[in-house]
Amino acid sequence: MPELQKTDDAQNALPNNRRNSRQILDSEVLVRQSDSQPFRATLSDLSVSGFKLTSYTDLDPKKPVYIRLPGIQTLSAAIKWCGYQEYGCAFTNDLHPAVLEHLVKKLQGF
């Protein structure tokens, strides 16, 4: 398994130090950064504080990520760690637990 690269502010954000439990998913979402058009990525887990995605498009860990999830507005997040085509991200503003529950139900149906 490839070694993870930490961004400067990610000392406590690696997968083993998660703040919240994550819901395992396998769902396609649209993602973009400030200098790109939206592209498809695979969301593999989601929590109130963040998510992990797989992207074949390289992301710049120093720039915010914008993710489009079904039924809610586009959300911004910071990349906290990255490995080969995988990115761990923390939402700028945590989700409400009821919103997380709603999203998981919608995404599991995709």
N, C-alpha and C. Protein backbone atom coordinates (compact mmCIF):
# COMPACT_ATOMS: atom_id res chain seq x y z
N MET A 1 0.85 -1.18 0.00
CA MET A 1 0.00 0.00 0.00
C MET A 1 0.90 1.24 0.00
N PRO A 2 0.57 2.26 -0.80
CA PRO A 2 1.42 3.43 -0.89
C PRO A 2 1.39 4.23 0.41
N GLU A 3 2.50 4.90 0.68
CA GLU A 3 2.59 5.75 1.86
C GLU A 3 1.77 7.01 1.64
N LEU A 4 1.14 7.49 2.70
CA LEU A 4 0.33 8.69 2.62
C LEU A 4 1.20 9.93 2.72
N GLN A 5 0.83 10.96 1.98
CA GLN A 5 1.48 12.24 2.10
C GLN A 5 0.57 13.13 2.92
N LYS A 6 1.14 13.82 3.90
CA LYS A 6 0.36 14.73 4.73
C LYS A 6 0.51 16.14 4.21
N THR A 7 -0.58 16.88 4.25
CA THR A 7 -0.47 18.30 3.98
C THR A 7 -0.02 18.96 5.26
N ASP A 8 0.42 20.22 5.21
CA ASP A 8 1.00 20.89 6.37
C ASP A 8 0.11 20.90 7.60
N ASP A 9 -1.21 21.05 7.42
CA ASP A 9 -2.12 21.14 8.56
C ASP A 9 -2.77 19.81 8.90
N ALA A 10 -2.20 18.72 8.49
CA ALA A 10 -2.86 17.43 8.62
C ALA A 10 -2.29 16.52 9.70
N GLN A 11 -1.60 17.04 10.65
CA GLN A 11 -0.96 16.18 11.64
C GLN A 11 -1.95 15.27 12.36
N ASN A 12 -3.18 15.73 12.60
CA ASN A 12 -4.17 14.93 13.32
C ASN A 12 -5.28 14.42 12.42
N ALA A 13 -5.08 14.44 11.10
CA ALA A 13 -6.18 14.10 10.21
C ALA A 13 -5.98 12.79 9.45
N LEU A 14 -4.97 12.02 9.80
CA LEU A 14 -4.77 10.75 9.11
C LEU A 14 -5.87 9.77 9.47
N PRO A 15 -6.10 8.76 8.64
CA PRO A 15 -7.21 7.84 8.86
C PRO A 15 -7.25 7.23 10.26
N ASN A 16 -6.12 6.95 10.88
CA ASN A 16 -6.13 6.34 12.21
C ASN A 16 -6.52 7.32 13.31
N ASN A 17 -6.58 8.60 13.02
CA ASN A 17 -6.90 9.61 14.01
C ASN A 17 -8.22 10.32 13.71
N ARG A 18 -9.16 9.62 13.13
CA ARG A 18 -10.42 10.25 12.74
C ARG A 18 -11.19 10.76 13.94
N ARG A 19 -11.87 11.91 13.72
CA ARG A 19 -12.70 12.49 14.77
C ARG A 19 -14.07 11.83 14.82
N ASN A 20 -14.59 11.37 13.68
CA ASN A 20 -15.94 10.83 13.60
C ASN A 20 -15.94 9.51 12.85
N SER A 21 -16.93 8.67 13.16
CA SER A 21 -17.04 7.41 12.44
C SER A 21 -17.49 7.70 11.01
N ARG A 22 -17.08 6.84 10.11
CA ARG A 22 -17.38 7.03 8.69
C ARG A 22 -18.32 5.96 8.18
N GLN A 23 -19.16 6.35 7.23
CA GLN A 23 -20.05 5.43 6.54
C GLN A 23 -19.36 5.00 5.25
N ILE A 24 -19.21 3.71 5.06
CA ILE A 24 -18.56 3.19 3.87
C ILE A 24 -19.52 3.29 2.68
N LEU A 25 -19.02 3.82 1.58
CA LEU A 25 -19.82 4.01 0.36
C LEU A 25 -18.99 3.61 -0.86
N ASP A 26 -19.65 3.54 -1.97
CA ASP A 26 -18.99 3.38 -3.27
C ASP A 26 -19.88 4.11 -4.27
N SER A 27 -19.74 5.43 -4.30
CA SER A 27 -20.66 6.25 -5.05
C SER A 27 -19.91 7.27 -5.91
N GLU A 28 -20.40 7.49 -7.10
CA GLU A 28 -19.80 8.47 -7.99
C GLU A 28 -20.34 9.86 -7.65
N VAL A 29 -19.43 10.84 -7.54
CA VAL A 29 -19.80 12.22 -7.25
C VAL A 29 -19.04 13.14 -8.20
N LEU A 30 -19.45 14.40 -8.24
CA LEU A 30 -18.74 15.41 -9.02
C LEU A 30 -17.89 16.25 -8.07
N VAL A 31 -16.66 16.48 -8.48
CA VAL A 31 -15.68 17.22 -7.69
C VAL A 31 -15.02 18.24 -8.59
N ARG A 32 -14.59 19.34 -8.00
CA ARG A 32 -13.79 20.30 -8.75
C ARG A 32 -12.91 21.08 -7.78
N GLN A 33 -11.90 21.71 -8.34
CA GLN A 33 -11.11 22.68 -7.62
C GLN A 33 -11.27 24.01 -8.33
N SER A 34 -10.76 25.08 -7.75
CA SER A 34 -11.02 26.42 -8.29
C SER A 34 -10.59 26.59 -9.74
N ASP A 35 -9.61 25.84 -10.19
CA ASP A 35 -9.10 26.02 -11.54
C ASP A 35 -9.53 24.91 -12.51
N SER A 36 -10.59 24.17 -12.16
CA SER A 36 -10.97 23.04 -13.02
C SER A 36 -12.48 22.96 -13.22
N GLN A 37 -12.85 22.24 -14.25
CA GLN A 37 -14.25 21.91 -14.48
C GLN A 37 -14.59 20.72 -13.58
N PRO A 38 -15.87 20.53 -13.25
CA PRO A 38 -16.25 19.35 -12.44
C PRO A 38 -15.87 18.06 -13.15
N PHE A 39 -15.41 17.10 -12.39
CA PHE A 39 -15.07 15.78 -12.91
C PHE A 39 -15.58 14.72 -11.95
N ARG A 40 -15.68 13.50 -12.46
CA ARG A 40 -16.18 12.39 -11.65
C ARG A 40 -15.08 11.81 -10.75
N ALA A 41 -15.50 11.46 -9.54
CA ALA A 41 -14.62 10.80 -8.59
C ALA A 41 -15.49 9.80 -7.82
N THR A 42 -14.84 8.88 -7.13
CA THR A 42 -15.57 7.88 -6.35
C THR A 42 -15.45 8.19 -4.87
N LEU A 43 -16.59 8.38 -4.24
CA LEU A 43 -16.67 8.63 -2.80
C LEU A 43 -16.68 7.29 -2.10
N SER A 44 -15.69 7.04 -1.23
CA SER A 44 -15.62 5.73 -0.59
C SER A 44 -16.01 5.74 0.87
N ASP A 45 -16.00 6.90 1.51
CA ASP A 45 -16.58 7.00 2.84
C ASP A 45 -16.96 8.45 3.13
N LEU A 46 -17.83 8.61 4.12
CA LEU A 46 -18.40 9.92 4.43
C LEU A 46 -18.70 9.99 5.92
N SER A 47 -18.41 11.13 6.53
CA SER A 47 -18.77 11.37 7.93
C SER A 47 -19.24 12.81 8.04
N VAL A 48 -19.64 13.22 9.24
CA VAL A 48 -20.07 14.60 9.41
C VAL A 48 -18.91 15.57 9.20
N SER A 49 -17.68 15.11 9.38
CA SER A 49 -16.54 16.02 9.27
C SER A 49 -15.76 15.91 7.96
N GLY A 50 -16.00 14.85 7.16
CA GLY A 50 -15.23 14.74 5.93
C GLY A 50 -15.52 13.50 5.13
N PHE A 51 -14.61 13.19 4.21
CA PHE A 51 -14.83 12.09 3.28
C PHE A 51 -13.51 11.64 2.68
N LYS A 52 -13.55 10.47 2.06
CA LYS A 52 -12.41 9.97 1.29
C LYS A 52 -12.90 9.72 -0.12
N LEU A 53 -12.10 10.13 -1.08
CA LEU A 53 -12.47 9.89 -2.47
C LEU A 53 -11.28 9.40 -3.26
N THR A 54 -11.60 8.72 -4.35
CA THR A 54 -10.60 8.27 -5.31
C THR A 54 -10.81 9.08 -6.58
N SER A 55 -9.73 9.63 -7.09
CA SER A 55 -9.82 10.47 -8.28
C SER A 55 -8.67 10.12 -9.22
N TYR A 56 -9.01 9.94 -10.50
CA TYR A 56 -7.98 9.72 -11.51
C TYR A 56 -7.44 11.06 -12.01
N THR A 57 -8.07 12.14 -11.59
CA THR A 57 -7.58 13.49 -11.88
C THR A 57 -6.79 13.95 -10.66
N ASP A 58 -5.58 14.41 -10.87
CA ASP A 58 -4.77 14.88 -9.74
C ASP A 58 -5.38 16.13 -9.12
N LEU A 59 -5.39 16.15 -7.80
CA LEU A 59 -5.87 17.31 -7.06
C LEU A 59 -4.69 18.00 -6.40
N ASP A 60 -4.76 19.32 -6.30
CA ASP A 60 -3.73 20.10 -5.63
C ASP A 60 -4.07 20.16 -4.14
N PRO A 61 -3.27 19.55 -3.27
CA PRO A 61 -3.59 19.50 -1.84
C PRO A 61 -3.62 20.86 -1.16
N LYS A 62 -3.11 21.89 -1.83
CA LYS A 62 -3.10 23.22 -1.23
C LYS A 62 -4.37 24.01 -1.56
N LYS A 63 -5.21 23.48 -2.43
CA LYS A 63 -6.43 24.18 -2.84
C LYS A 63 -7.66 23.48 -2.30
N PRO A 64 -8.72 24.25 -2.02
CA PRO A 64 -9.97 23.62 -1.56
C PRO A 64 -10.56 22.71 -2.64
N VAL A 65 -11.32 21.74 -2.19
CA VAL A 65 -12.07 20.82 -3.06
C VAL A 65 -13.55 21.17 -2.90
N TYR A 66 -14.28 21.15 -3.99
CA TYR A 66 -15.73 21.38 -3.96
C TYR A 66 -16.40 20.10 -4.44
N ILE A 67 -17.27 19.55 -3.59
CA ILE A 67 -17.92 18.28 -3.89
C ILE A 67 -19.43 18.49 -3.98
N ARG A 68 -20.01 17.92 -5.03
CA ARG A 68 -21.45 18.01 -5.24
C ARG A 68 -22.09 16.70 -4.79
N LEU A 69 -22.91 16.78 -3.76
CA LEU A 69 -23.62 15.63 -3.22
C LEU A 69 -25.10 15.77 -3.52
N PRO A 70 -25.82 14.66 -3.69
CA PRO A 70 -27.22 14.74 -4.12
C PRO A 70 -28.12 15.43 -3.09
N GLY A 71 -28.89 16.38 -3.57
CA GLY A 71 -29.91 17.01 -2.74
C GLY A 71 -29.45 18.15 -1.86
N ILE A 72 -28.17 18.50 -1.89
CA ILE A 72 -27.69 19.65 -1.11
C ILE A 72 -26.75 20.47 -1.98
N GLN A 73 -26.43 21.67 -1.47
CA GLN A 73 -25.53 22.55 -2.23
C GLN A 73 -24.13 21.97 -2.28
N THR A 74 -23.32 22.50 -3.17
CA THR A 74 -21.92 22.10 -3.27
C THR A 74 -21.22 22.47 -1.97
N LEU A 75 -20.40 21.53 -1.46
CA LEU A 75 -19.70 21.75 -0.19
C LEU A 75 -18.21 21.89 -0.44
N SER A 76 -17.56 22.70 0.39
CA SER A 76 -16.11 22.86 0.26
C SER A 76 -15.40 22.05 1.34
N ALA A 77 -14.18 21.65 1.02
CA ALA A 77 -13.39 20.84 1.94
C ALA A 77 -11.91 21.09 1.68
N ALA A 78 -11.10 20.79 2.69
CA ALA A 78 -9.64 20.86 2.56
C ALA A 78 -9.08 19.45 2.47
N ILE A 79 -8.09 19.27 1.63
CA ILE A 79 -7.41 17.97 1.53
C ILE A 79 -6.47 17.86 2.72
N LYS A 80 -6.64 16.80 3.51
CA LYS A 80 -5.83 16.59 4.71
C LYS A 80 -4.73 15.57 4.50
N TRP A 81 -4.94 14.62 3.62
CA TRP A 81 -3.91 13.63 3.28
C TRP A 81 -4.19 13.12 1.88
N CYS A 82 -3.14 12.62 1.25
CA CYS A 82 -3.32 12.03 -0.07
C CYS A 82 -2.35 10.87 -0.25
N GLY A 83 -2.82 9.89 -0.98
CA GLY A 83 -2.03 8.73 -1.36
C GLY A 83 -2.23 8.56 -2.85
N TYR A 84 -1.87 7.43 -3.38
CA TYR A 84 -2.02 7.20 -4.81
C TYR A 84 -3.49 7.25 -5.19
N GLN A 85 -3.91 8.33 -5.83
CA GLN A 85 -5.27 8.56 -6.33
C GLN A 85 -6.33 8.61 -5.22
N GLU A 86 -5.94 8.65 -3.96
CA GLU A 86 -6.88 8.76 -2.85
C GLU A 86 -6.63 10.05 -2.09
N TYR A 87 -7.73 10.65 -1.62
CA TYR A 87 -7.65 11.92 -0.92
C TYR A 87 -8.58 11.87 0.29
N GLY A 88 -8.06 12.25 1.44
CA GLY A 88 -8.87 12.40 2.64
C GLY A 88 -9.15 13.87 2.83
N CYS A 89 -10.42 14.23 2.96
CA CYS A 89 -10.80 15.64 3.00
C CYS A 89 -11.65 15.94 4.22
N ALA A 90 -11.51 17.16 4.73
CA ALA A 90 -12.31 17.63 5.86
C ALA A 90 -13.20 18.77 5.38
N PHE A 91 -14.50 18.65 5.65
CA PHE A 91 -15.43 19.71 5.27
C PHE A 91 -15.05 21.01 5.96
N THR A 92 -15.28 22.13 5.26
CA THR A 92 -15.08 23.44 5.85
C THR A 92 -16.03 23.62 7.04
N ASN A 93 -17.27 23.17 6.89
CA ASN A 93 -18.27 23.18 7.96
C ASN A 93 -18.84 21.78 8.08
N ASP A 94 -18.81 21.23 9.29
CA ASP A 94 -19.32 19.88 9.51
C ASP A 94 -20.78 19.76 9.09
N LEU A 95 -21.16 18.57 8.65
CA LEU A 95 -22.55 18.28 8.32
C LEU A 95 -23.34 18.03 9.60
N HIS A 96 -24.61 18.32 9.57
CA HIS A 96 -25.50 17.93 10.67
C HIS A 96 -25.68 16.42 10.56
N PRO A 97 -25.75 15.69 11.67
CA PRO A 97 -25.91 14.23 11.60
C PRO A 97 -27.12 13.78 10.78
N ALA A 98 -28.22 14.54 10.81
CA ALA A 98 -29.39 14.17 10.02
C ALA A 98 -29.11 14.32 8.53
N VAL A 99 -28.31 15.32 8.16
CA VAL A 99 -27.93 15.50 6.75
C VAL A 99 -27.05 14.33 6.32
N LEU A 100 -26.12 13.93 7.17
CA LEU A 100 -25.27 12.77 6.85
C LEU A 100 -26.13 11.54 6.62
N GLU A 101 -27.08 11.29 7.51
CA GLU A 101 -27.96 10.11 7.37
C GLU A 101 -28.72 10.16 6.05
N HIS A 102 -29.25 11.32 5.71
CA HIS A 102 -29.98 11.50 4.45
C HIS A 102 -29.07 11.23 3.24
N LEU A 103 -27.85 11.78 3.27
CA LEU A 103 -26.91 11.60 2.16
C LEU A 103 -26.52 10.14 1.99
N VAL A 104 -26.27 9.46 3.09
CA VAL A 104 -25.87 8.04 3.02
C VAL A 104 -26.98 7.22 2.36
N LYS A 105 -28.23 7.48 2.75
CA LYS A 105 -29.35 6.76 2.13
C LYS A 105 -29.42 7.03 0.64
N LYS A 106 -29.26 8.29 0.24
CA LYS A 106 -29.31 8.63 -1.19
C LYS A 106 -28.14 8.02 -1.95
N LEU A 107 -26.95 8.11 -1.39
CA LEU A 107 -25.76 7.63 -2.08
C LEU A 107 -25.72 6.11 -2.17
N GLN A 108 -26.26 5.42 -1.19
CA GLN A 108 -26.28 3.96 -1.25
C GLN A 108 -27.26 3.49 -2.33
N GLY A 109 -28.21 4.33 -2.70
CA GLY A 109 -29.17 3.99 -3.74
C GLY A 109 -28.63 4.24 -5.14
N PHE A 110 -27.48 4.92 -5.26
CA PHE A 110 -26.93 5.24 -6.58
C PHE A 110 -26.17 4.06 -7.13
